[in-house]
Amino acid sequence: MDVEIECNLALETRQKLEAFSIVLKKDHTTILEEALALYFKQEEERLYQTGLAQKDPDTDIGFDEFWDDVDI
């Protein structure tokens, strides 16, 4: 999947990117990819935790817990 994305960065962000590129001896793309990978990981964790927090323990029961009280 090849998607073209236009990205406009603020001047301060571009300056920091250039400075870190020189200090770390990494190209801009590598720095951005590493930063985005970390961001996505943090957001996935946050979304996972938010999803867990939204579950209602009174209505979210497991398979065995449900069937234990059913007489067939």
Protein backbone atom coordinates (compact mmCIF):
# COMPACT_ATOMS: atom_id res chain seq x y z
CA MET A 1 0.00 0.00 0.00
CA ASP A 2 1.75 3.11 -1.22
CA VAL A 3 0.09 6.27 0.07
CA GLU A 4 1.51 9.69 -0.59
CA ILE A 5 1.23 11.97 2.42
CA GLU A 6 2.01 15.65 2.42
CA CYS A 7 3.61 16.74 5.68
CA ASN A 8 4.11 20.38 6.62
CA LEU A 9 6.28 20.82 9.69
CA ALA A 10 6.65 24.00 11.71
CA LEU A 11 9.94 25.85 11.35
CA GLU A 12 11.01 24.99 14.91
CA THR A 13 10.29 21.30 14.29
CA ARG A 14 12.31 21.34 11.06
CA GLN A 15 15.21 23.03 12.84
CA LYS A 16 15.18 20.44 15.64
CA LEU A 17 14.95 17.64 13.09
CA GLU A 18 17.99 19.00 11.28
CA ALA A 19 19.94 19.45 14.52
CA PHE A 20 19.17 15.93 15.74
CA SER A 21 19.99 14.56 12.31
CA ILE A 22 23.48 16.04 12.57
CA VAL A 23 24.05 15.06 16.22
CA LEU A 24 22.73 11.50 15.85
CA LYS A 25 24.16 11.06 12.35
CA LYS A 26 20.79 9.79 11.12
CA ASP A 27 18.82 10.89 8.11
CA HIS A 28 15.54 12.77 8.56
CA THR A 29 13.43 9.83 7.42
CA THR A 30 14.93 7.48 10.00
CA ILE A 31 14.34 9.96 12.82
CA LEU A 32 10.74 10.54 11.75
CA GLU A 33 10.04 6.82 11.35
CA GLU A 34 11.49 6.05 14.80
CA ALA A 35 9.49 8.88 16.37
CA LEU A 36 6.27 7.76 14.68
CA ALA A 37 6.83 4.13 15.68
CA LEU A 38 7.13 5.22 19.32
CA TYR A 39 4.06 7.46 18.99
CA PHE A 40 1.95 4.67 17.46
CA LYS A 41 3.02 2.24 20.18
CA GLN A 42 2.05 4.71 22.92
CA GLU A 43 -1.30 5.49 21.28
CA GLU A 44 -2.13 1.79 20.81
CA GLU A 45 -1.41 1.21 24.50
CA ARG A 46 -3.54 4.21 25.47
CA LEU A 47 -6.42 3.00 23.28
CA TYR A 48 -6.12 -0.49 24.74
CA GLN A 49 -6.20 0.88 28.30
CA THR A 50 -9.13 3.16 27.46
CA GLY A 51 -11.02 0.19 26.03
CA LEU A 52 -10.40 -1.83 29.17
CA ALA A 53 -11.53 1.05 31.36
CA GLN A 54 -14.79 1.37 29.41
CA LYS A 55 -15.81 -2.25 29.99
CA ASP A 56 -18.57 -2.66 32.55
CA PRO A 57 -17.60 -5.46 34.94
CA ASP A 58 -21.28 -6.12 35.71
CA THR A 59 -22.15 -6.93 32.10
CA ASP A 60 -18.84 -8.18 30.74
CA ILE A 61 -18.79 -11.79 31.88
CA GLY A 62 -16.87 -14.72 30.52
CA PHE A 63 -18.21 -17.81 28.74
CA ASP A 64 -17.97 -20.09 31.78
CA GLU A 65 -19.42 -17.52 34.13
CA PHE A 66 -22.44 -17.13 31.84
CA TRP A 67 -23.11 -20.84 31.39
CA ASP A 68 -22.55 -21.77 35.06
CA ASP A 69 -26.00 -20.47 36.01
CA VAL A 70 -27.88 -21.93 33.02
CA ASP A 71 -29.81 -25.16 33.56
CA ILE A 72 -30.40 -27.18 30.42
